[in-house]
Amino acid sequence: RDWKEKIGKHWGEYALFFIGAAGIAIRTVAPWIQDKFTDPPVVVMD
């Protein structure tokens, strides 16, 4: 249930890979995005 919060808790420790709709990925990571220099890689694949 708290999978989105887990991403925030571990923000910057893992690269993130989403297989599915880009909107899911965007809404999930949006609260933690800072800048391209400190954020982890986020890949979305259909």
ModelCIF file with pLDDT and N, C-alpha, C, O atoms, coordinates in Angstrom:
data_MODEL
#
_entry.id   MODEL 
#
_entity.id                         1 
_entity.type                       polymer 
_entity.pdbx_number_of_molecules   1 
#
_entity_poly.entity_id                      1 
_entity_poly.type                           'polypeptide(L)' 
_entity_poly.nstd_linkage                   no 
_entity_poly.nstd_monomer                   no 
_entity_poly.pdbx_seq_one_letter_code       RDWKEKIGKHWGEYALFFIGAAGIAIRTVAPWIQDKFTDPPVVVMD 
_entity_poly.pdbx_seq_one_letter_code_can   RDWKEKIGKHWGEYALFFIGAAGIAIRTVAPWIQDKFTDPPVVVMD 
_entity_poly.pdbx_strand_id                 A 
#
loop_
_entity_poly_seq.entity_id 
_entity_poly_seq.num 
_entity_poly_seq.mon_id 
_entity_poly_seq.hetero 
1 1  ARG n 
1 2  ASP n 
1 3  TRP n 
1 4  LYS n 
1 5  GLU n 
1 6  LYS n 
1 7  ILE n 
1 8  GLY n 
1 9  LYS n 
1 10 HIS n 
1 11 TRP n 
1 12 GLY n 
1 13 GLU n 
1 14 TYR n 
1 15 ALA n 
1 16 LEU n 
1 17 PHE n 
1 18 PHE n 
1 19 ILE n 
1 20 GLY n 
1 21 ALA n 
1 22 ALA n 
1 23 GLY n 
1 24 ILE n 
1 25 ALA n 
1 26 ILE n 
1 27 ARG n 
1 28 THR n 
1 29 VAL n 
1 30 ALA n 
1 31 PRO n 
1 32 TRP n 
1 33 ILE n 
1 34 GLN n 
1 35 ASP n 
1 36 LYS n 
1 37 PHE n 
1 38 THR n 
1 39 ASP n 
1 40 PRO n 
1 41 PRO n 
1 42 VAL n 
1 43 VAL n 
1 44 VAL n 
1 45 MET n 
1 46 ASP n 
#
_struct_asym.id          A 
_struct_asym.entity_id   1 
#
loop_
_ma_qa_metric.id 
_ma_qa_metric.mode 
_ma_qa_metric.name 
_ma_qa_metric.software_group_id 
_ma_qa_metric.type 
1 global pLDDT . pLDDT 
2 local  pLDDT . pLDDT 
#
_ma_qa_metric_global.metric_id      1 
_ma_qa_metric_global.metric_value   95.20 
_ma_qa_metric_global.model_id       1 
_ma_qa_metric_global.ordinal_id     1 
#
loop_
_ma_qa_metric_local.label_asym_id 
_ma_qa_metric_local.label_comp_id 
_ma_qa_metric_local.label_seq_id 
_ma_qa_metric_local.metric_id 
_ma_qa_metric_local.metric_value 
_ma_qa_metric_local.model_id 
_ma_qa_metric_local.ordinal_id 
A ARG 1  2 93.00 1 1  
A ASP 2  2 94.00 1 2  
A TRP 3  2 95.00 1 3  
A LYS 4  2 95.00 1 4  
A GLU 5  2 95.00 1 5  
A LYS 6  2 94.00 1 6  
A ILE 7  2 95.00 1 7  
A GLY 8  2 95.00 1 8  
A LYS 9  2 95.00 1 9  
A HIS 10 2 94.00 1 10 
A TRP 11 2 95.00 1 11 
A GLY 12 2 94.00 1 12 
A GLU 13 2 94.00 1 13 
A TYR 14 2 96.00 1 14 
A ALA 15 2 97.00 1 15 
A LEU 16 2 97.00 1 16 
A PHE 17 2 97.00 1 17 
A PHE 18 2 98.00 1 18 
A ILE 19 2 98.00 1 19 
A GLY 20 2 95.00 1 20 
A ALA 21 2 93.00 1 21 
A ALA 22 2 95.00 1 22 
A GLY 23 2 95.00 1 23 
A ILE 24 2 94.00 1 24 
A ALA 25 2 96.00 1 25 
A ILE 26 2 96.00 1 26 
A ARG 27 2 96.00 1 27 
A THR 28 2 96.00 1 28 
A VAL 29 2 97.00 1 29 
A ALA 30 2 97.00 1 30 
A PRO 31 2 96.00 1 31 
A TRP 32 2 96.00 1 32 
A ILE 33 2 96.00 1 33 
A GLN 34 2 95.00 1 34 
A ASP 35 2 94.00 1 35 
A LYS 36 2 91.00 1 36 
A PHE 37 2 93.00 1 37 
A THR 38 2 91.00 1 38 
A ASP 39 2 96.00 1 39 
A PRO 40 2 96.00 1 40 
A PRO 41 2 96.00 1 41 
A VAL 42 2 97.00 1 42 
A VAL 43 2 97.00 1 43 
A VAL 44 2 97.00 1 44 
A MET 45 2 96.00 1 45 
A ASP 46 2 91.00 1 46 
#
loop_
_atom_site.group_PDB 
_atom_site.id 
_atom_site.type_symbol 
_atom_site.label_atom_id 
_atom_site.label_alt_id 
_atom_site.label_comp_id 
_atom_site.label_asym_id 
_atom_site.label_entity_id 
_atom_site.label_seq_id 
_atom_site.pdbx_PDB_ins_code 
_atom_site.Cartn_x 
_atom_site.Cartn_y 
_atom_site.Cartn_z 
_atom_site.occupancy 
_atom_site.B_iso_or_equiv 
_atom_site.pdbx_formal_charge 
_atom_site.auth_seq_id 
_atom_site.auth_comp_id 
_atom_site.auth_asym_id 
_atom_site.auth_atom_id 
_atom_site.pdbx_PDB_model_num 
ATOM 1   N N  . ARG A 1 1  ? 0.815  -1.219 0.000   1.00 93.00 ? 1  ARG A N  1 
ATOM 2   C CA . ARG A 1 1  ? 0.000  0.000  0.000   1.00 93.00 ? 1  ARG A CA 1 
ATOM 3   C C  . ARG A 1 1  ? 0.852  1.275  0.000   1.00 93.00 ? 1  ARG A C  1 
ATOM 4   O O  . ARG A 1 1  ? 0.478  2.278  -0.607  1.00 93.00 ? 1  ARG A O  1 
ATOM 5   N N  . ASP A 1 2  ? 1.973  1.225  0.672   1.00 94.00 ? 2  ASP A N  1 
ATOM 6   C CA . ASP A 1 2  ? 2.815  2.423  0.806   1.00 94.00 ? 2  ASP A CA 1 
ATOM 7   C C  . ASP A 1 2  ? 3.981  2.442  -0.183  1.00 94.00 ? 2  ASP A C  1 
ATOM 8   O O  . ASP A 1 2  ? 5.027  3.020  0.111   1.00 94.00 ? 2  ASP A O  1 
ATOM 9   N N  . TRP A 1 3  ? 3.814  1.819  -1.353  1.00 95.00 ? 3  TRP A N  1 
ATOM 10  C CA . TRP A 1 3  ? 4.930  1.712  -2.293  1.00 95.00 ? 3  TRP A CA 1 
ATOM 11  C C  . TRP A 1 3  ? 5.439  3.067  -2.758  1.00 95.00 ? 3  TRP A C  1 
ATOM 12  O O  . TRP A 1 3  ? 6.635  3.224  -3.006  1.00 95.00 ? 3  TRP A O  1 
ATOM 13  N N  . LYS A 1 4  ? 4.566  4.033  -2.878  1.00 95.00 ? 4  LYS A N  1 
ATOM 14  C CA . LYS A 1 4  ? 5.001  5.368  -3.311  1.00 95.00 ? 4  LYS A CA 1 
ATOM 15  C C  . LYS A 1 4  ? 5.836  6.044  -2.225  1.00 95.00 ? 4  LYS A C  1 
ATOM 16  O O  . LYS A 1 4  ? 6.812  6.732  -2.524  1.00 95.00 ? 4  LYS A O  1 
ATOM 17  N N  . GLU A 1 5  ? 5.450  5.847  -0.971  1.00 95.00 ? 5  GLU A N  1 
ATOM 18  C CA . GLU A 1 5  ? 6.207  6.430  0.139   1.00 95.00 ? 5  GLU A CA 1 
ATOM 19  C C  . GLU A 1 5  ? 7.588  5.777  0.245   1.00 95.00 ? 5  GLU A C  1 
ATOM 20  O O  . GLU A 1 5  ? 8.565  6.430  0.611   1.00 95.00 ? 5  GLU A O  1 
ATOM 21  N N  . LYS A 1 6  ? 7.656  4.485  -0.078  1.00 94.00 ? 6  LYS A N  1 
ATOM 22  C CA . LYS A 1 6  ? 8.952  3.792  -0.053  1.00 94.00 ? 6  LYS A CA 1 
ATOM 23  C C  . LYS A 1 6  ? 9.901  4.424  -1.061  1.00 94.00 ? 6  LYS A C  1 
ATOM 24  O O  . LYS A 1 6  ? 11.091 4.571  -0.780  1.00 94.00 ? 6  LYS A O  1 
ATOM 25  N N  . ILE A 1 7  ? 9.396  4.795  -2.220  1.00 95.00 ? 7  ILE A N  1 
ATOM 26  C CA . ILE A 1 7  ? 10.233 5.471  -3.217  1.00 95.00 ? 7  ILE A CA 1 
ATOM 27  C C  . ILE A 1 7  ? 10.785 6.763  -2.626  1.00 95.00 ? 7  ILE A C  1 
ATOM 28  O O  . ILE A 1 7  ? 11.973 7.053  -2.767  1.00 95.00 ? 7  ILE A O  1 
ATOM 29  N N  . GLY A 1 8  ? 9.935  7.533  -1.971  1.00 95.00 ? 8  GLY A N  1 
ATOM 30  C CA . GLY A 1 8  ? 10.385 8.776  -1.352  1.00 95.00 ? 8  GLY A CA 1 
ATOM 31  C C  . GLY A 1 8  ? 11.400 8.534  -0.257  1.00 95.00 ? 8  GLY A C  1 
ATOM 32  O O  . GLY A 1 8  ? 12.376 9.275  -0.136  1.00 95.00 ? 8  GLY A O  1 
ATOM 33  N N  . LYS A 1 9  ? 11.182 7.513  0.534   1.00 95.00 ? 9  LYS A N  1 
ATOM 34  C CA . LYS A 1 9  ? 12.100 7.196  1.637   1.00 95.00 ? 9  LYS A CA 1 
ATOM 35  C C  . LYS A 1 9  ? 13.490 6.843  1.116   1.00 95.00 ? 9  LYS A C  1 
ATOM 36  O O  . LYS A 1 9  ? 14.496 7.163  1.749   1.00 95.00 ? 9  LYS A O  1 
ATOM 37  N N  . HIS A 1 10 ? 13.541 6.189  -0.026  1.00 94.00 ? 10 HIS A N  1 
ATOM 38  C CA . HIS A 1 10 ? 14.812 5.749  -0.594  1.00 94.00 ? 10 HIS A CA 1 
ATOM 39  C C  . HIS A 1 10 ? 15.237 6.587  -1.807  1.00 94.00 ? 10 HIS A C  1 
ATOM 40  O O  . HIS A 1 10 ? 16.064 6.156  -2.611  1.00 94.00 ? 10 HIS A O  1 
ATOM 41  N N  . TRP A 1 11 ? 14.665 7.777  -1.926  1.00 95.00 ? 11 TRP A N  1 
ATOM 42  C CA . TRP A 1 11 ? 14.954 8.659  -3.066  1.00 95.00 ? 11 TRP A CA 1 
ATOM 43  C C  . TRP A 1 11 ? 16.461 8.901  -3.179  1.00 95.00 ? 11 TRP A C  1 
ATOM 44  O O  . TRP A 1 11 ? 17.109 9.307  -2.215  1.00 95.00 ? 11 TRP A O  1 
ATOM 45  N N  . GLY A 1 12 ? 16.995 8.652  -4.343  1.00 94.00 ? 12 GLY A N  1 
ATOM 46  C CA . GLY A 1 12 ? 18.416 8.863  -4.588  1.00 94.00 ? 12 GLY A CA 1 
ATOM 47  C C  . GLY A 1 12 ? 19.272 7.630  -4.372  1.00 94.00 ? 12 GLY A C  1 
ATOM 48  O O  . GLY A 1 12 ? 20.435 7.611  -4.775  1.00 94.00 ? 12 GLY A O  1 
ATOM 49  N N  . GLU A 1 13 ? 18.721 6.597  -3.745  1.00 94.00 ? 13 GLU A N  1 
ATOM 50  C CA . GLU A 1 13 ? 19.475 5.364  -3.496  1.00 94.00 ? 13 GLU A CA 1 
ATOM 51  C C  . GLU A 1 13 ? 19.353 4.368  -4.651  1.00 94.00 ? 13 GLU A C  1 
ATOM 52  O O  . GLU A 1 13 ? 20.238 3.538  -4.857  1.00 94.00 ? 13 GLU A O  1 
ATOM 53  N N  . TYR A 1 14 ? 18.264 4.454  -5.392  1.00 96.00 ? 14 TYR A N  1 
ATOM 54  C CA . TYR A 1 14 ? 17.975 3.508  -6.471  1.00 96.00 ? 14 TYR A CA 1 
ATOM 55  C C  . TYR A 1 14 ? 17.625 4.268  -7.744  1.00 96.00 ? 14 TYR A C  1 
ATOM 56  O O  . TYR A 1 14 ? 17.034 5.346  -7.689  1.00 96.00 ? 14 TYR A O  1 
ATOM 57  N N  . ALA A 1 15 ? 17.991 3.707  -8.884  1.00 97.00 ? 15 ALA A N  1 
ATOM 58  C CA . ALA A 1 15 ? 17.414 4.154  -10.146 1.00 97.00 ? 15 ALA A CA 1 
ATOM 59  C C  . ALA A 1 15 ? 16.017 3.535  -10.200 1.00 97.00 ? 15 ALA A C  1 
ATOM 60  O O  . ALA A 1 15 ? 15.800 2.449  -9.661  1.00 97.00 ? 15 ALA A O  1 
ATOM 61  N N  . LEU A 1 16 ? 15.092 4.204  -10.832 1.00 97.00 ? 16 LEU A N  1 
ATOM 62  C CA . LEU A 1 16 ? 13.700 3.729  -10.887 1.00 97.00 ? 16 LEU A CA 1 
ATOM 63  C C  . LEU A 1 16 ? 13.341 3.370  -12.315 1.00 97.00 ? 16 LEU A C  1 
ATOM 64  O O  . LEU A 1 16 ? 13.658 4.100  -13.254 1.00 97.00 ? 16 LEU A O  1 
ATOM 65  N N  . PHE A 1 17 ? 12.679 2.242  -12.465 1.00 97.00 ? 17 PHE A N  1 
ATOM 66  C CA . PHE A 1 17 ? 12.283 1.752  -13.778 1.00 97.00 ? 17 PHE A CA 1 
ATOM 67  C C  . PHE A 1 17 ? 10.808 1.382  -13.698 1.00 97.00 ? 17 PHE A C  1 
ATOM 68  O O  . PHE A 1 17 ? 10.428 0.491  -12.939 1.00 97.00 ? 17 PHE A O  1 
ATOM 69  N N  . PHE A 1 18 ? 9.982  2.061  -14.475 1.00 98.00 ? 18 PHE A N  1 
ATOM 70  C CA . PHE A 1 18 ? 8.548  1.792  -14.499 1.00 98.00 ? 18 PHE A CA 1 
ATOM 71  C C  . PHE A 1 18 ? 8.190  1.150  -15.835 1.00 98.00 ? 18 PHE A C  1 
ATOM 72  O O  . PHE A 1 18 ? 8.578  1.642  -16.895 1.00 98.00 ? 18 PHE A O  1 
ATOM 73  N N  . ILE A 1 19 ? 7.450  0.052  -15.774 1.00 98.00 ? 19 ILE A N  1 
ATOM 74  C CA . ILE A 1 19 ? 6.942  -0.586 -16.994 1.00 98.00 ? 19 ILE A CA 1 
ATOM 75  C C  . ILE A 1 19 ? 5.438  -0.354 -16.981 1.00 98.00 ? 19 ILE A C  1 
ATOM 76  O O  . ILE A 1 19 ? 4.696  -1.045 -16.283 1.00 98.00 ? 19 ILE A O  1 
ATOM 77  N N  . GLY A 1 20 ? 5.002  0.625  -17.761 1.00 95.00 ? 20 GLY A N  1 
ATOM 78  C CA . GLY A 1 20 ? 3.597  0.999  -17.773 1.00 95.00 ? 20 GLY A CA 1 
ATOM 79  C C  . GLY A 1 20 ? 3.433  2.431  -18.235 1.00 95.00 ? 20 GLY A C  1 
ATOM 80  O O  . GLY A 1 20 ? 4.303  2.990  -18.904 1.00 95.00 ? 20 GLY A O  1 
ATOM 81  N N  . ALA A 1 21 ? 2.314  3.011  -17.872 1.00 93.00 ? 21 ALA A N  1 
ATOM 82  C CA . ALA A 1 21 ? 1.977  4.363  -18.313 1.00 93.00 ? 21 ALA A CA 1 
ATOM 83  C C  . ALA A 1 21 ? 2.915  5.405  -17.703 1.00 93.00 ? 21 ALA A C  1 
ATOM 84  O O  . ALA A 1 21 ? 3.252  5.337  -16.521 1.00 93.00 ? 21 ALA A O  1 
ATOM 85  N N  . ALA A 1 22 ? 3.325  6.358  -18.515 1.00 95.00 ? 22 ALA A N  1 
ATOM 86  C CA . ALA A 1 22 ? 4.206  7.423  -18.040 1.00 95.00 ? 22 ALA A CA 1 
ATOM 87  C C  . ALA A 1 22 ? 3.547  8.244  -16.941 1.00 95.00 ? 22 ALA A C  1 
ATOM 88  O O  . ALA A 1 22 ? 4.229  8.735  -16.041 1.00 95.00 ? 22 ALA A O  1 
ATOM 89  N N  . GLY A 1 23 ? 2.240  8.397  -17.004 1.00 95.00 ? 23 GLY A N  1 
ATOM 90  C CA . GLY A 1 23 ? 1.535  9.175  -15.993 1.00 95.00 ? 23 GLY A CA 1 
ATOM 91  C C  . GLY A 1 23 ? 1.688  8.599  -14.595 1.00 95.00 ? 23 GLY A C  1 
ATOM 92  O O  . GLY A 1 23 ? 1.793  9.349  -13.624 1.00 95.00 ? 23 GLY A O  1 
ATOM 93  N N  . ILE A 1 24 ? 1.701  7.285  -14.482 1.00 94.00 ? 24 ILE A N  1 
ATOM 94  C CA . ILE A 1 24 ? 1.897  6.649  -13.175 1.00 94.00 ? 24 ILE A CA 1 
ATOM 95  C C  . ILE A 1 24 ? 3.264  7.036  -12.626 1.00 94.00 ? 24 ILE A C  1 
ATOM 96  O O  . ILE A 1 24 ? 3.389  7.418  -11.463 1.00 94.00 ? 24 ILE A O  1 
ATOM 97  N N  . ALA A 1 25 ? 4.276  6.936  -13.460 1.00 96.00 ? 25 ALA A N  1 
ATOM 98  C CA . ALA A 1 25 ? 5.638  7.265  -13.030 1.00 96.00 ? 25 ALA A CA 1 
ATOM 99  C C  . ALA A 1 25 ? 5.752  8.733  -12.641 1.00 96.00 ? 25 ALA A C  1 
ATOM 100 O O  . ALA A 1 25 ? 6.342  9.059  -11.611 1.00 96.00 ? 25 ALA A O  1 
ATOM 101 N N  . ILE A 1 26 ? 5.199  9.610  -13.448 1.00 96.00 ? 26 ILE A N  1 
ATOM 102 C CA . ILE A 1 26 ? 5.299  11.051 -13.188 1.00 96.00 ? 26 ILE A CA 1 
ATOM 103 C C  . ILE A 1 26 ? 4.625  11.416 -11.872 1.00 96.00 ? 26 ILE A C  1 
ATOM 104 O O  . ILE A 1 26 ? 5.204  12.133 -11.057 1.00 96.00 ? 26 ILE A O  1 
ATOM 105 N N  . ARG A 1 27 ? 3.404  10.926 -11.659 1.00 96.00 ? 27 ARG A N  1 
ATOM 106 C CA . ARG A 1 27 ? 2.699  11.242 -10.417 1.00 96.00 ? 27 ARG A CA 1 
ATOM 107 C C  . ARG A 1 27 ? 3.388  10.627 -9.205  1.00 96.00 ? 27 ARG A C  1 
ATOM 108 O O  . ARG A 1 27 ? 3.331  11.188 -8.110  1.00 96.00 ? 27 ARG A O  1 
ATOM 109 N N  . THR A 1 28 ? 4.033  9.490  -9.387  1.00 96.00 ? 28 THR A N  1 
ATOM 110 C CA . THR A 1 28 ? 4.710  8.825  -8.278  1.00 96.00 ? 28 THR A CA 1 
ATOM 111 C C  . THR A 1 28 ? 5.957  9.587  -7.834  1.00 96.00 ? 28 THR A C  1 
ATOM 112 O O  . THR A 1 28 ? 6.167  9.772  -6.635  1.00 96.00 ? 28 THR A O  1 
ATOM 113 N N  . VAL A 1 29 ? 6.776  10.026 -8.766  1.00 97.00 ? 29 VAL A N  1 
ATOM 114 C CA . VAL A 1 29 ? 8.049  10.666 -8.403  1.00 97.00 ? 29 VAL A CA 1 
ATOM 115 C C  . VAL A 1 29 ? 7.938  12.173 -8.185  1.00 97.00 ? 29 VAL A C  1 
ATOM 116 O O  . VAL A 1 29 ? 8.839  12.775 -7.600  1.00 97.00 ? 29 VAL A O  1 
ATOM 117 N N  . ALA A 1 30 ? 6.862  12.784 -8.639  1.00 97.00 ? 30 ALA A N  1 
ATOM 118 C CA . ALA A 1 30 ? 6.728  14.249 -8.583  1.00 97.00 ? 30 ALA A CA 1 
ATOM 119 C C  . ALA A 1 30 ? 7.020  14.866 -7.211  1.00 97.00 ? 30 ALA A C  1 
ATOM 120 O O  . ALA A 1 30 ? 7.691  15.897 -7.152  1.00 97.00 ? 30 ALA A O  1 
ATOM 121 N N  . PRO A 1 31 ? 6.546  14.283 -6.113  1.00 96.00 ? 31 PRO A N  1 
ATOM 122 C CA . PRO A 1 31 ? 6.790  14.932 -4.815  1.00 96.00 ? 31 PRO A CA 1 
ATOM 123 C C  . PRO A 1 31 ? 8.264  15.027 -4.416  1.00 96.00 ? 31 PRO A C  1 
ATOM 124 O O  . PRO A 1 31 ? 8.617  15.841 -3.563  1.00 96.00 ? 31 PRO A O  1 
ATOM 125 N N  . TRP A 1 32 ? 9.118  14.215 -5.014  1.00 96.00 ? 32 TRP A N  1 
ATOM 126 C CA . TRP A 1 32 ? 10.512 14.164 -4.568  1.00 96.00 ? 32 TRP A CA 1 
ATOM 127 C C  . TRP A 1 32 ? 11.506 14.771 -5.548  1.00 96.00 ? 32 TRP A C  1 
ATOM 128 O O  . TRP A 1 32 ? 12.693 14.863 -5.236  1.00 96.00 ? 32 TRP A O  1 
ATOM 129 N N  . ILE A 1 33 ? 11.057 15.178 -6.701  1.00 96.00 ? 33 ILE A N  1 
ATOM 130 C CA . ILE A 1 33 ? 11.968 15.702 -7.709  1.00 96.00 ? 33 ILE A CA 1 
ATOM 131 C C  . ILE A 1 33 ? 12.595 17.011 -7.231  1.00 96.00 ? 33 ILE A C  1 
ATOM 132 O O  . ILE A 1 33 ? 11.895 17.921 -6.788  1.00 96.00 ? 33 ILE A O  1 
ATOM 133 N N  . GLN A 1 34 ? 13.926 17.091 -7.327  1.00 95.00 ? 34 GLN A N  1 
ATOM 134 C CA . GLN A 1 34 ? 14.671 18.297 -6.956  1.00 95.00 ? 34 GLN A CA 1 
ATOM 135 C C  . GLN A 1 34 ? 15.265 18.945 -8.203  1.00 95.00 ? 34 GLN A C  1 
ATOM 136 O O  . GLN A 1 34 ? 14.857 20.034 -8.608  1.00 95.00 ? 34 GLN A O  1 
ATOM 137 N N  . ASP A 1 35 ? 16.250 18.246 -8.812  1.00 94.00 ? 35 ASP A N  1 
ATOM 138 C CA . ASP A 1 35 ? 16.897 18.750 -10.021 1.00 94.00 ? 35 ASP A CA 1 
ATOM 139 C C  . ASP A 1 35 ? 17.647 17.611 -10.701 1.00 94.00 ? 35 ASP A C  1 
ATOM 140 O O  . ASP A 1 35 ? 17.812 16.534 -10.128 1.00 94.00 ? 35 ASP A O  1 
ATOM 141 N N  . LYS A 1 36 ? 18.091 17.851 -11.903 1.00 91.00 ? 36 LYS A N  1 
ATOM 142 C CA . LYS A 1 36 ? 18.747 16.797 -12.676 1.00 91.00 ? 36 LYS A CA 1 
ATOM 143 C C  . LYS A 1 36 ? 20.111 16.405 -12.133 1.00 91.00 ? 36 LYS A C  1 
ATOM 144 O O  . LYS A 1 36 ? 20.661 15.379 -12.533 1.00 91.00 ? 36 LYS A O  1 
ATOM 145 N N  . PHE A 1 37 ? 20.656 17.188 -11.246 1.00 93.00 ? 37 PHE A N  1 
ATOM 146 C CA . PHE A 1 37 ? 21.973 16.885 -10.699 1.00 93.00 ? 37 PHE A CA 1 
ATOM 147 C C  . PHE A 1 37 ? 21.912 15.943 -9.505  1.00 93.00 ? 37 PHE A C  1 
ATOM 148 O O  . PHE A 1 37 ? 22.877 15.229 -9.232  1.00 93.00 ? 37 PHE A O  1 
ATOM 149 N N  . THR A 1 38 ? 20.795 15.932 -8.795  1.00 91.00 ? 38 THR A N  1 
ATOM 150 C CA . THR A 1 38 ? 20.709 15.108 -7.583  1.00 91.00 ? 38 THR A CA 1 
ATOM 151 C C  . THR A 1 38 ? 19.673 13.992 -7.662  1.00 91.00 ? 38 THR A C  1 
ATOM 152 O O  . THR A 1 38 ? 19.738 13.036 -6.891  1.00 91.00 ? 38 THR A O  1 
ATOM 153 N N  . ASP A 1 39 ? 18.724 14.100 -8.577  1.00 96.00 ? 39 ASP A N  1 
ATOM 154 C CA . ASP A 1 39 ? 17.692 13.069 -8.682  1.00 96.00 ? 39 ASP A CA 1 
ATOM 155 C C  . ASP A 1 39 ? 18.241 11.798 -9.314  1.00 96.00 ? 39 ASP A C  1 
ATOM 156 O O  . ASP A 1 39 ? 19.158 11.848 -10.134 1.00 96.00 ? 39 ASP A O  1 
ATOM 157 N N  . PRO A 1 40 ? 17.673 10.656 -8.926  1.00 96.00 ? 40 PRO A N  1 
ATOM 158 C CA . PRO A 1 40 ? 18.091 9.395  -9.540  1.00 96.00 ? 40 PRO A CA 1 
ATOM 159 C C  . PRO A 1 40 ? 17.525 9.273  -10.952 1.00 96.00 ? 40 PRO A C  1 
ATOM 160 O O  . PRO A 1 40 ? 16.590 9.990  -11.308 1.00 96.00 ? 40 PRO A O  1 
ATOM 161 N N  . PRO A 1 41 ? 18.079 8.381  -11.748 1.00 96.00 ? 41 PRO A N  1 
ATOM 162 C CA . PRO A 1 41 ? 17.501 8.127  -13.064 1.00 96.00 ? 41 PRO A CA 1 
ATOM 163 C C  . PRO A 1 41 ? 16.104 7.531  -12.914 1.00 96.00 ? 41 PRO A C  1 
ATOM 164 O O  . PRO A 1 41 ? 15.862 6.699  -12.040 1.00 96.00 ? 41 PRO A O  1 
ATOM 165 N N  . VAL A 1 42 ? 15.198 7.966  -13.772 1.00 97.00 ? 42 VAL A N  1 
ATOM 166 C CA . VAL A 1 42 ? 13.839 7.412  -13.828 1.00 97.00 ? 42 VAL A CA 1 
ATOM 167 C C  . VAL A 1 42 ? 13.572 7.051  -15.277 1.00 97.00 ? 42 VAL A C  1 
ATOM 168 O O  . VAL A 1 42 ? 13.596 7.910  -16.158 1.00 97.00 ? 42 VAL A O  1 
ATOM 169 N N  . VAL A 1 43 ? 13.317 5.769  -15.518 1.00 97.00 ? 43 VAL A N  1 
ATOM 170 C CA . VAL A 1 43 ? 13.053 5.286  -16.866 1.00 97.00 ? 43 VAL A CA 1 
ATOM 171 C C  . VAL A 1 43 ? 11.636 4.751  -16.906 1.00 97.00 ? 43 VAL A C  1 
ATOM 172 O O  . VAL A 1 43 ? 11.204 4.048  -15.993 1.00 97.00 ? 43 VAL A O  1 
ATOM 173 N N  . VAL A 1 44 ? 10.908 5.087  -17.973 1.00 97.00 ? 44 VAL A N  1 
ATOM 174 C CA . VAL A 1 44 ? 9.556  4.577  -18.173 1.00 97.00 ? 44 VAL A CA 1 
ATOM 175 C C  . VAL A 1 44 ? 9.538  3.835  -19.492 1.00 97.00 ? 44 VAL A C  1 
ATOM 176 O O  . VAL A 1 44 ? 9.964  4.355  -20.524 1.00 97.00 ? 44 VAL A O  1 
ATOM 177 N N  . MET A 1 45 ? 9.035  2.603  -19.442 1.00 96.00 ? 45 MET A N  1 
ATOM 178 C CA . MET A 1 45 ? 8.986  1.785  -20.644 1.00 96.00 ? 45 MET A CA 1 
ATOM 179 C C  . MET A 1 45 ? 7.545  1.304  -20.852 1.00 96.00 ? 45 MET A C  1 
ATOM 180 O O  . MET A 1 45 ? 6.919  0.784  -19.928 1.00 96.00 ? 45 MET A O  1 
ATOM 181 N N  . ASP A 1 46 ? 7.044  1.477  -22.032 1.00 91.00 ? 46 ASP A N  1 
ATOM 182 C CA . ASP A 1 46 ? 5.736  0.932  -22.355 1.00 91.00 ? 46 ASP A CA 1 
ATOM 183 C C  . ASP A 1 46 ? 5.869  -0.575 -22.497 1.00 91.00 ? 46 ASP A C  1 
ATOM 184 O O  . ASP A 1 46 ? 4.883  -1.258 -22.771 1.00 91.00 ? 46 ASP A O  1 
#
